[in-house]
């Protein structure tokens, strides 16, 4: 693998870990019990990707 591919893989893995943490923070049966409703709503909105019209 080239250094660019290794860097891209590292970034992708970091993004996966961040997304997993955010999903845990909005799950009321996991970390969500320790996070306010306002924060859970902000995280939920940030995780939703708008659909492209051509999809």
C-alpha atoms as a PDB file:
ATOM      1  CA  UNK A   1       0.000   0.000   0.000  1.00  0.00           C
ATOM      2  CA  UNK A   2       1.164   3.493  -0.739  1.00  0.00           C
ATOM      3  CA  UNK A   3       1.463   6.134   1.964  1.00  0.00           C
ATOM      4  CA  UNK A   4      -1.627   7.864   0.557  1.00  0.00           C
ATOM      5  CA  UNK A   5      -3.638   4.651   0.788  1.00  0.00           C
ATOM      6  CA  UNK A   6      -2.436   4.080   4.355  1.00  0.00           C
ATOM      7  CA  UNK A   7      -3.388   7.631   5.315  1.00  0.00           C
ATOM      8  CA  UNK A   8      -6.812   7.246   3.689  1.00  0.00           C
ATOM      9  CA  UNK A   9      -7.381   3.981   5.554  1.00  0.00           C
ATOM     10  CA  UNK A  10      -6.352   5.582   8.859  1.00  0.00           C
ATOM     11  CA  UNK A  11      -8.752   8.474   8.272  1.00  0.00           C
ATOM     12  CA  UNK A  12     -11.556   6.081   7.350  1.00  0.00           C
ATOM     13  CA  UNK A  13     -11.017   4.017  10.511  1.00  0.00           C
ATOM     14  CA  UNK A  14     -10.955   7.179  12.624  1.00  0.00           C
ATOM     15  CA  UNK A  15     -14.252   8.273  11.054  1.00  0.00           C
ATOM     16  CA  UNK A  16     -15.809   4.873  11.760  1.00  0.00           C
ATOM     17  CA  UNK A  17     -14.761   5.095  15.422  1.00  0.00           C
ATOM     18  CA  UNK A  18     -16.174   8.619  15.730  1.00  0.00           C
ATOM     19  CA  UNK A  19     -19.467   7.570  14.146  1.00  0.00           C
ATOM     20  CA  UNK A  20     -19.712   4.583  16.498  1.00  0.00           C
ATOM     21  CA  UNK A  21     -19.145   6.842  19.496  1.00  0.00           C
ATOM     22  CA  UNK A  22     -21.798   9.296  18.294  1.00  0.00           C
ATOM     23  CA  UNK A  23     -24.278   6.469  17.751  1.00  0.00           C
ATOM     24  CA  UNK A  24     -23.597   5.233  21.294  1.00  0.00           C
ATOM     25  CA  UNK A  25     -24.221   8.772  22.595  1.00  0.00           C
ATOM     26  CA  UNK A  26     -27.729   8.859  21.115  1.00  0.00           C
ATOM     27  CA  UNK A  27     -28.641   5.345  22.253  1.00  0.00           C
ATOM     28  CA  UNK A  28     -30.559   5.736  25.539  1.00  0.00           C
ATOM     29  CA  UNK A  29     -29.595   2.210  26.580  1.00  0.00           C
ATOM     30  CA  UNK A  30     -25.885   2.913  26.112  1.00  0.00           C
ATOM     31  CA  UNK A  31     -24.227   6.303  26.697  1.00  0.00           C
ATOM     32  CA  UNK A  32     -27.348   8.252  25.795  1.00  0.00           C
ATOM     33  CA  UNK A  33     -28.610   8.226  29.391  1.00  0.00           C
ATOM     34  CA  UNK A  34     -25.727  10.564  30.275  1.00  0.00           C
ATOM     35  CA  UNK A  35     -26.341  12.966  27.374  1.00  0.00           C
ATOM     36  CA  UNK A  36     -29.028  15.641  27.299  1.00  0.00           C
ATOM     37  CA  UNK A  37     -31.893  15.422  24.816  1.00  0.00           C
ATOM     38  CA  UNK A  38     -30.615  18.580  23.116  1.00  0.00           C
ATOM     39  CA  UNK A  39     -27.199  17.022  22.506  1.00  0.00           C
ATOM     40  CA  UNK A  40     -28.748  13.759  21.289  1.00  0.00           C
ATOM     41  CA  UNK A  41     -30.863  15.740  18.808  1.00  0.00           C
ATOM     42  CA  UNK A  42     -27.834  17.671  17.518  1.00  0.00           C
ATOM     43  CA  UNK A  43     -25.899  14.432  17.051  1.00  0.00           C
ATOM     44  CA  UNK A  44     -28.837  12.810  15.265  1.00  0.00           C
ATOM     45  CA  UNK A  45     -29.098  15.748  12.879  1.00  0.00           C
ATOM     46  CA  UNK A  46     -25.358  15.698  12.208  1.00  0.00           C
ATOM     47  CA  UNK A  47     -25.401  11.974  11.396  1.00  0.00           C
ATOM     48  CA  UNK A  48     -28.207  12.270   8.852  1.00  0.00           C
ATOM     49  CA  UNK A  49     -26.897  12.899   5.377  1.00  0.00           C
ATOM     50  CA  UNK A  50     -29.233  14.696   2.994  1.00  0.00           C
ATOM     51  CA  UNK A  51     -30.169  12.609  -0.028  1.00  0.00           C
ATOM     52  CA  UNK A  52     -29.034  13.730  -3.423  1.00  0.00           C
ATOM     53  CA  UNK A  53     -31.913  14.363  -5.799  1.00  0.00           C
ATOM     54  CA  UNK A  54     -30.465  11.977  -8.395  1.00  0.00           C
ATOM     55  CA  UNK A  55     -30.488   8.979  -6.004  1.00  0.00           C
END
